[in-house]
Amino acid sequence: MKSQESKLLERITFIPGLMGGKPTIRGNRFTVIDILEMLSSGMTNKEILEEHPILEADDIKAALVFSTKQLRDEYIYE
């Protein structure tokens, strides 16, 4: 049985030619960065889902899990 994190990460797709090969949500034209930008602009999960009905709540979670895993070993120096 796969962990919840692994199941969420299955939603992240890399398709050459789609959105410049950036990580997308379930092969749609929504990139992980699109989700992060909406969240950072102050949109709630509910607002994102209402404005973009093709997205699902787990897509937002998947974008966050993916981003966290990508940055886990990165350090920001000031």
PDB file of N, CA and C in Angstrom:
ATOM      1  N   MET A   1       0.846  -1.180   0.000  1.00  0.00           N
ATOM      2  CA  MET A   1       0.000   0.000   0.000  1.00  0.00           C
ATOM      3  C   MET A   1       0.891   1.242   0.000  1.00  0.00           C
ATOM      4  N   LYS A   2       0.584   2.155  -0.875  1.00  0.00           N
ATOM      5  CA  LYS A   2       1.383   3.371  -0.980  1.00  0.00           C
ATOM      6  C   LYS A   2       0.996   4.362   0.094  1.00  0.00           C
ATOM      7  N   SER A   3       1.986   5.119   0.493  1.00  0.00           N
ATOM      8  CA  SER A   3       1.692   6.147   1.485  1.00  0.00           C
ATOM      9  C   SER A   3       0.841   7.246   0.848  1.00  0.00           C
ATOM     10  N   GLN A   4       0.207   8.029   1.689  1.00  0.00           N
ATOM     11  CA  GLN A   4      -0.611   9.149   1.212  1.00  0.00           C
ATOM     12  C   GLN A   4       0.244  10.106   0.377  1.00  0.00           C
ATOM     13  N   GLU A   5       1.483  10.339   0.825  1.00  0.00           N
ATOM     14  CA  GLU A   5       2.376  11.238   0.096  1.00  0.00           C
ATOM     15  C   GLU A   5       2.659  10.713  -1.304  1.00  0.00           C
ATOM     16  N   SER A   6       2.923   9.436  -1.427  1.00  0.00           N
ATOM     17  CA  SER A   6       3.189   8.837  -2.736  1.00  0.00           C
ATOM     18  C   SER A   6       1.978   8.944  -3.655  1.00  0.00           C
ATOM     19  N   LYS A   7       0.801   8.720  -3.096  1.00  0.00           N
ATOM     20  CA  LYS A   7      -0.428   8.829  -3.889  1.00  0.00           C
ATOM     21  C   LYS A   7      -0.611  10.256  -4.392  1.00  0.00           C
ATOM     22  N   LEU A   8      -0.329  11.223  -3.529  1.00  0.00           N
ATOM     23  CA  LEU A   8      -0.453  12.620  -3.949  1.00  0.00           C
ATOM     24  C   LEU A   8       0.551  12.940  -5.051  1.00  0.00           C
ATOM     25  N   LEU A   9       1.770  12.447  -4.916  1.00  0.00           N
ATOM     26  CA  LEU A   9       2.800  12.751  -5.908  1.00  0.00           C
ATOM     27  C   LEU A   9       2.498  12.156  -7.273  1.00  0.00           C
ATOM     28  N   GLU A  10       1.653  11.134  -7.327  1.00  0.00           N
ATOM     29  CA  GLU A  10       1.243  10.570  -8.620  1.00  0.00           C
ATOM     30  C   GLU A  10       0.464  11.589  -9.445  1.00  0.00           C
ATOM     31  N   ARG A  11      -0.077  12.601  -8.813  1.00  0.00           N
ATOM     32  CA  ARG A  11      -0.832  13.646  -9.505  1.00  0.00           C
ATOM     33  C   ARG A  11       0.084  14.617 -10.255  1.00  0.00           C
ATOM     34  N   ILE A  12       1.352  14.613  -9.909  1.00  0.00           N
ATOM     35  CA  ILE A  12       2.307  15.519 -10.544  1.00  0.00           C
ATOM     36  C   ILE A  12       2.868  14.821 -11.775  1.00  0.00           C
ATOM     37  N   THR A  13       2.733  15.476 -12.925  1.00  0.00           N
ATOM     38  CA  THR A  13       3.171  14.880 -14.182  1.00  0.00           C
ATOM     39  C   THR A  13       4.188  15.771 -14.875  1.00  0.00           C
ATOM     40  N   PHE A  14       5.061  15.118 -15.617  1.00  0.00           N
ATOM     41  CA  PHE A  14       6.057  15.807 -16.442  1.00  0.00           C
ATOM     42  C   PHE A  14       5.832  15.333 -17.866  1.00  0.00           C
ATOM     43  N   ILE A  15       5.341  16.228 -18.709  1.00  0.00           N
ATOM     44  CA  ILE A  15       5.040  15.867 -20.088  1.00  0.00           C
ATOM     45  C   ILE A  15       5.827  16.808 -20.993  1.00  0.00           C
ATOM     46  N   PRO A  16       6.807  16.267 -21.742  1.00  0.00           N
ATOM     47  CA  PRO A  16       7.577  17.119 -22.651  1.00  0.00           C
ATOM     48  C   PRO A  16       6.642  17.880 -23.590  1.00  0.00           C
ATOM     49  N   GLY A  17       6.871  19.157 -23.728  1.00  0.00           N
ATOM     50  CA  GLY A  17       6.052  19.975 -24.617  1.00  0.00           C
ATOM     51  C   GLY A  17       4.845  20.602 -23.951  1.00  0.00           C
ATOM     52  N   LEU A  18       4.448  20.092 -22.801  1.00  0.00           N
ATOM     53  CA  LEU A  18       3.311  20.676 -22.084  1.00  0.00           C
ATOM     54  C   LEU A  18       3.854  21.621 -21.031  1.00  0.00           C
ATOM     55  N   MET A  19       3.537  22.872 -21.165  1.00  0.00           N
ATOM     56  CA  MET A  19       3.959  23.896 -20.216  1.00  0.00           C
ATOM     57  C   MET A  19       5.481  23.903 -20.050  1.00  0.00           C
ATOM     58  N   GLY A  20       6.166  23.702 -21.163  1.00  0.00           N
ATOM     59  CA  GLY A  20       7.617  23.736 -21.152  1.00  0.00           C
ATOM     60  C   GLY A  20       8.256  22.612 -20.359  1.00  0.00           C
ATOM     61  N   GLY A  21       7.528  21.514 -20.148  1.00  0.00           N
ATOM     62  CA  GLY A  21       8.056  20.383 -19.399  1.00  0.00           C
ATOM     63  C   GLY A  21       8.050  20.578 -17.896  1.00  0.00           C
ATOM     64  N   LYS A  22       7.439  21.680 -17.442  1.00  0.00           N
ATOM     65  CA  LYS A  22       7.358  21.936 -16.000  1.00  0.00           C
ATOM     66  C   LYS A  22       6.402  20.936 -15.357  1.00  0.00           C
ATOM     67  N   PRO A  23       6.550  20.707 -14.054  1.00  0.00           N
ATOM     68  CA  PRO A  23       5.632  19.776 -13.390  1.00  0.00           C
ATOM     69  C   PRO A  23       4.203  20.321 -13.410  1.00  0.00           C
ATOM     70  N   THR A  24       3.302  19.493 -13.891  1.00  0.00           N
ATOM     71  CA  THR A  24       1.903  19.895 -14.011  1.00  0.00           C
ATOM     72  C   THR A  24       1.024  19.013 -13.128  1.00  0.00           C
ATOM     73  N   ILE A  25      -0.206  19.429 -13.000  1.00  0.00           N
ATOM     74  CA  ILE A  25      -1.191  18.697 -12.207  1.00  0.00           C
ATOM     75  C   ILE A  25      -1.999  17.784 -13.121  1.00  0.00           C
ATOM     76  N   ARG A  26      -1.840  16.486 -12.945  1.00  0.00           N
ATOM     77  CA  ARG A  26      -2.595  15.460 -13.682  1.00  0.00           C
ATOM     78  C   ARG A  26      -2.608  15.679 -15.193  1.00  0.00           C
ATOM     79  N   GLY A  27      -1.510  16.171 -15.752  1.00  0.00           N
ATOM     80  CA  GLY A  27      -1.427  16.343 -17.197  1.00  0.00           C
ATOM     81  C   GLY A  27      -2.233  17.499 -17.736  1.00  0.00           C
ATOM     82  N   ASN A  28      -2.776  18.320 -16.854  1.00  0.00           N
ATOM     83  CA  ASN A  28      -3.526  19.507 -17.277  1.00  0.00           C
ATOM     84  C   ASN A  28      -2.578  20.686 -17.448  1.00  0.00           C
ATOM     85  N   ARG A  29      -3.102  21.785 -17.891  1.00  0.00           N
ATOM     86  CA  ARG A  29      -2.283  22.970 -18.111  1.00  0.00           C
ATOM     87  C   ARG A  29      -2.162  23.828 -16.843  1.00  0.00           C
ATOM     88  N   PHE A  30      -2.130  23.176 -15.719  1.00  0.00           N
ATOM     89  CA  PHE A  30      -1.881  23.846 -14.440  1.00  0.00           C
ATOM     90  C   PHE A  30      -0.546  23.336 -13.924  1.00  0.00           C
ATOM     91  N   THR A  31       0.392  24.248 -13.708  1.00  0.00           N
ATOM     92  CA  THR A  31       1.678  23.834 -13.167  1.00  0.00           C
ATOM     93  C   THR A  31       1.651  23.918 -11.644  1.00  0.00           C
ATOM     94  N   VAL A  32       2.614  23.251 -11.051  1.00  0.00           N
ATOM     95  CA  VAL A  32       2.766  23.328  -9.595  1.00  0.00           C
ATOM     96  C   VAL A  32       2.933  24.789  -9.188  1.00  0.00           C
ATOM     97  N   ILE A  33       3.725  25.526  -9.948  1.00  0.00           N
ATOM     98  CA  ILE A  33       3.955  26.944  -9.614  1.00  0.00           C
ATOM     99  C   ILE A  33       2.661  27.748  -9.694  1.00  0.00           C
ATOM    100  N   ASP A  34       1.756  27.406 -10.600  1.00  0.00           N
ATOM    101  CA  ASP A  34       0.454  28.099 -10.664  1.00  0.00           C
ATOM    102  C   ASP A  34      -0.287  27.962  -9.336  1.00  0.00           C
ATOM    103  N   ILE A  35      -0.284  26.745  -8.801  1.00  0.00           N
ATOM    104  CA  ILE A  35      -0.962  26.499  -7.521  1.00  0.00           C
ATOM    105  C   ILE A  35      -0.291  27.310  -6.411  1.00  0.00           C
ATOM    106  N   LEU A  36       1.034  27.270  -6.373  1.00  0.00           N
ATOM    107  CA  LEU A  36       1.761  27.997  -5.331  1.00  0.00           C
ATOM    108  C   LEU A  36       1.532  29.500  -5.435  1.00  0.00           C
ATOM    109  N   GLU A  37       1.504  30.022  -6.641  1.00  0.00           N
ATOM    110  CA  GLU A  37       1.263  31.458  -6.815  1.00  0.00           C
ATOM    111  C   GLU A  37      -0.135  31.858  -6.358  1.00  0.00           C
ATOM    112  N   MET A  38      -1.118  31.014  -6.642  1.00  0.00           N
ATOM    113  CA  MET A  38      -2.470  31.324  -6.179  1.00  0.00           C
ATOM    114  C   MET A  38      -2.526  31.327  -4.652  1.00  0.00           C
ATOM    115  N   LEU A  39      -1.896  30.349  -4.035  1.00  0.00           N
ATOM    116  CA  LEU A  39      -1.876  30.296  -2.568  1.00  0.00           C
ATOM    117  C   LEU A  39      -1.123  31.488  -1.985  1.00  0.00           C
ATOM    118  N   SER A  40       0.010  31.822  -2.586  1.00  0.00           N
ATOM    119  CA  SER A  40       0.811  32.931  -2.039  1.00  0.00           C
ATOM    120  C   SER A  40       0.142  34.280  -2.259  1.00  0.00           C
ATOM    121  N   SER A  41      -0.768  34.356  -3.213  1.00  0.00           N
ATOM    122  CA  SER A  41      -1.486  35.609  -3.434  1.00  0.00           C
ATOM    123  C   SER A  41      -2.601  35.806  -2.406  1.00  0.00           C
ATOM    124  N   GLY A  42      -2.827  34.765  -1.592  1.00  0.00           N
ATOM    125  CA  GLY A  42      -3.848  34.864  -0.558  1.00  0.00           C
ATOM    126  C   GLY A  42      -5.121  34.090  -0.849  1.00  0.00           C
ATOM    127  N   MET A  43      -5.187  33.437  -2.004  1.00  0.00           N
ATOM    128  CA  MET A  43      -6.378  32.645  -2.311  1.00  0.00           C
ATOM    129  C   MET A  43      -6.458  31.450  -1.378  1.00  0.00           C
ATOM    130  N   THR A  44      -7.647  31.123  -0.962  1.00  0.00           N
ATOM    131  CA  THR A  44      -7.842  29.923  -0.149  1.00  0.00           C
ATOM    132  C   THR A  44      -8.005  28.713  -1.067  1.00  0.00           C
ATOM    133  N   ASN A  45      -7.877  27.536  -0.478  1.00  0.00           N
ATOM    134  CA  ASN A  45      -8.113  26.323  -1.264  1.00  0.00           C
ATOM    135  C   ASN A  45      -9.505  26.366  -1.891  1.00  0.00           C
ATOM    136  N   LYS A  46     -10.483  26.774  -1.104  1.00  0.00           N
ATOM    137  CA  LYS A  46     -11.857  26.832  -1.590  1.00  0.00           C
ATOM    138  C   LYS A  46     -11.974  27.780  -2.783  1.00  0.00           C
ATOM    139  N   GLU A  47     -11.357  28.936  -2.706  1.00  0.00           N
ATOM    140  CA  GLU A  47     -11.406  29.901  -3.814  1.00  0.00           C
ATOM    141  C   GLU A  47     -10.744  29.341  -5.068  1.00  0.00           C
ATOM    142  N   ILE A  48      -9.617  28.669  -4.887  1.00  0.00           N
ATOM    143  CA  ILE A  48      -8.929  28.072  -6.036  1.00  0.00           C
ATOM    144  C   ILE A  48      -9.814  27.036  -6.702  1.00  0.00           C
ATOM    145  N   LEU A  49     -10.413  26.183  -5.897  1.00  0.00           N
ATOM    146  CA  LEU A  49     -11.259  25.122  -6.448  1.00  0.00           C
ATOM    147  C   LEU A  49     -12.516  25.671  -7.105  1.00  0.00           C
ATOM    148  N   GLU A  50     -13.067  26.732  -6.560  1.00  0.00           N
ATOM    149  CA  GLU A  50     -14.252  27.346  -7.177  1.00  0.00           C
ATOM    150  C   GLU A  50     -13.901  28.027  -8.498  1.00  0.00           C
ATOM    151  N   GLU A  51     -12.742  28.675  -8.550  1.00  0.00           N
ATOM    152  CA  GLU A  51     -12.332  29.401  -9.756  1.00  0.00           C
ATOM    153  C   GLU A  51     -11.824  28.450 -10.847  1.00  0.00           C
ATOM    154  N   HIS A  52     -11.318  27.306 -10.444  1.00  0.00           N
ATOM    155  CA  HIS A  52     -10.747  26.337 -11.395  1.00  0.00           C
ATOM    156  C   HIS A  52     -11.324  24.953 -11.112  1.00  0.00           C
ATOM    157  N   PRO A  53     -12.545  24.691 -11.586  1.00  0.00           N
ATOM    158  CA  PRO A  53     -13.236  23.447 -11.244  1.00  0.00           C
ATOM    159  C   PRO A  53     -12.537  22.173 -11.729  1.00  0.00           C
ATOM    160  N   ILE A  54     -11.585  22.294 -12.636  1.00  0.00           N
ATOM    161  CA  ILE A  54     -10.841  21.110 -13.086  1.00  0.00           C
ATOM    162  C   ILE A  54      -9.908  20.592 -11.995  1.00  0.00           C
ATOM    163  N   LEU A  55      -9.558  21.478 -11.053  1.00  0.00           N
ATOM    164  CA  LEU A  55      -8.678  21.095  -9.951  1.00  0.00           C
ATOM    165  C   LEU A  55      -9.453  20.426  -8.827  1.00  0.00           C
ATOM    166  N   GLU A  56      -8.759  19.571  -8.100  1.00  0.00           N
ATOM    167  CA  GLU A  56      -9.329  18.880  -6.946  1.00  0.00           C
ATOM    168  C   GLU A  56      -8.506  19.236  -5.712  1.00  0.00           C
ATOM    169  N   ALA A  57      -9.096  19.064  -4.544  1.00  0.00           N
ATOM    170  CA  ALA A  57      -8.406  19.410  -3.298  1.00  0.00           C
ATOM    171  C   ALA A  57      -7.058  18.694  -3.188  1.00  0.00           C
ATOM    172  N   ASP A  58      -7.000  17.438  -3.607  1.00  0.00           N
ATOM    173  CA  ASP A  58      -5.737  16.704  -3.537  1.00  0.00           C
ATOM    174  C   ASP A  58      -4.684  17.250  -4.504  1.00  0.00           C
ATOM    175  N   ASP A  59      -5.103  17.960  -5.544  1.00  0.00           N
ATOM    176  CA  ASP A  59      -4.133  18.587  -6.446  1.00  0.00           C
ATOM    177  C   ASP A  59      -3.351  19.673  -5.718  1.00  0.00           C
ATOM    178  N   ILE A  60      -4.036  20.426  -4.875  1.00  0.00           N
ATOM    179  CA  ILE A  60      -3.374  21.479  -4.099  1.00  0.00           C
ATOM    180  C   ILE A  60      -2.413  20.844  -3.106  1.00  0.00           C
ATOM    181  N   LYS A  61      -2.863  19.790  -2.437  1.00  0.00           N
ATOM    182  CA  LYS A  61      -1.986  19.079  -1.507  1.00  0.00           C
ATOM    183  C   LYS A  61      -0.767  18.517  -2.240  1.00  0.00           C
ATOM    184  N   ALA A  62      -0.992  17.967  -3.421  1.00  0.00           N
ATOM    185  CA  ALA A  62       0.105  17.388  -4.200  1.00  0.00           C
ATOM    186  C   ALA A  62       1.147  18.442  -4.561  1.00  0.00           C
ATOM    187  N   ALA A  63       0.687  19.628  -4.950  1.00  0.00           N
ATOM    188  CA  ALA A  63       1.615  20.704  -5.288  1.00  0.00           C
ATOM    189  C   ALA A  63       2.468  21.085  -4.086  1.00  0.00           C
ATOM    190  N   LEU A  64       1.863  21.110  -2.909  1.00  0.00           N
ATOM    191  CA  LEU A  64       2.595  21.444  -1.689  1.00  0.00           C
ATOM    192  C   LEU A  64       3.582  20.348  -1.308  1.00  0.00           C
ATOM    193  N   VAL A  65       3.170  19.108  -1.416  1.00  0.00           N
ATOM    194  CA  VAL A  65       4.068  17.995  -1.095  1.00  0.00           C
ATOM    195  C   VAL A  65       5.248  17.988  -2.060  1.00  0.00           C
ATOM    196  N   PHE A  66       4.966  18.148  -3.345  1.00  0.00           N
ATOM    197  CA  PHE A  66       6.027  18.155  -4.356  1.00  0.00           C
ATOM    198  C   PHE A  66       7.026  19.273  -4.078  1.00  0.00           C
ATOM    199  N   SER A  67       6.524  20.458  -3.817  1.00  0.00           N
ATOM    200  CA  SER A  67       7.389  21.613  -3.562  1.00  0.00           C
ATOM    201  C   SER A  67       8.226  21.403  -2.307  1.00  0.00           C
ATOM    202  N   THR A  68       7.620  20.863  -1.290  1.00  0.00           N
ATOM    203  CA  THR A  68       8.346  20.596  -0.047  1.00  0.00           C
ATOM    204  C   THR A  68       9.483  19.615  -0.293  1.00  0.00           C
ATOM    205  N   LYS A  69       9.198  18.551  -1.034  1.00  0.00           N
ATOM    206  CA  LYS A  69      10.235  17.559  -1.315  1.00  0.00           C
ATOM    207  C   LYS A  69      11.356  18.171  -2.144  1.00  0.00           C
ATOM    208  N   GLN A  70      11.011  19.045  -3.071  1.00  0.00           N
ATOM    209  CA  GLN A  70      12.035  19.672  -3.912  1.00  0.00           C
ATOM    210  C   GLN A  70      12.937  20.592  -3.101  1.00  0.00           C
ATOM    211  N   LEU A  71      12.375  21.239  -2.117  1.00  0.00           N
ATOM    212  CA  LEU A  71      13.133  22.237  -1.340  1.00  0.00           C
ATOM    213  C   LEU A  71      13.725  21.689  -0.050  1.00  0.00           C
ATOM    214  N   ARG A  72      13.373  20.499   0.306  1.00  0.00           N
ATOM    215  CA  ARG A  72      13.790  19.954   1.602  1.00  0.00           C
ATOM    216  C   ARG A  72      15.289  20.087   1.851  1.00  0.00           C
ATOM    217  N   ASP A  73      16.099  19.857   0.851  1.00  0.00           N
ATOM    218  CA  ASP A  73      17.544  19.911   1.021  1.00  0.00           C
ATOM    219  C   ASP A  73      18.154  21.245   0.569  1.00  0.00           C
ATOM    220  N   GLU A  74      17.309  22.206   0.247  1.00  0.00           N
ATOM    221  CA  GLU A  74      17.805  23.506  -0.171  1.00  0.00           C
ATOM    222  C   GLU A  74      17.832  24.463   1.021  1.00  0.00           C
ATOM    223  N   TYR A  75      18.782  25.334   1.029  1.00  0.00           N
ATOM    224  CA  TYR A  75      18.893  26.322   2.107  1.00  0.00           C
ATOM    225  C   TYR A  75      18.865  27.707   1.503  1.00  0.00           C
ATOM    226  N   ILE A  76      18.181  28.593   2.163  1.00  0.00           N
ATOM    227  CA  ILE A  76      18.113  29.984   1.738  1.00  0.00           C
ATOM    228  C   ILE A  76      18.991  30.779   2.662  1.00  0.00           C
ATOM    229  N   TYR A  77      19.945  31.478   2.094  1.00  0.00           N
ATOM    230  CA  TYR A  77      20.862  32.290   2.881  1.00  0.00           C
ATOM    231  C   TYR A  77      20.524  33.748   2.679  1.00  0.00           C
ATOM    232  N   GLU A  78      20.540  34.494   3.740  1.00  0.00           N
ATOM    233  CA  GLU A  78      20.263  35.938   3.655  1.00  0.00           C
ATOM    234  C   GLU A  78      21.557  36.708   3.722  1.00  0.00           C
TER     235      GLU A  78
END
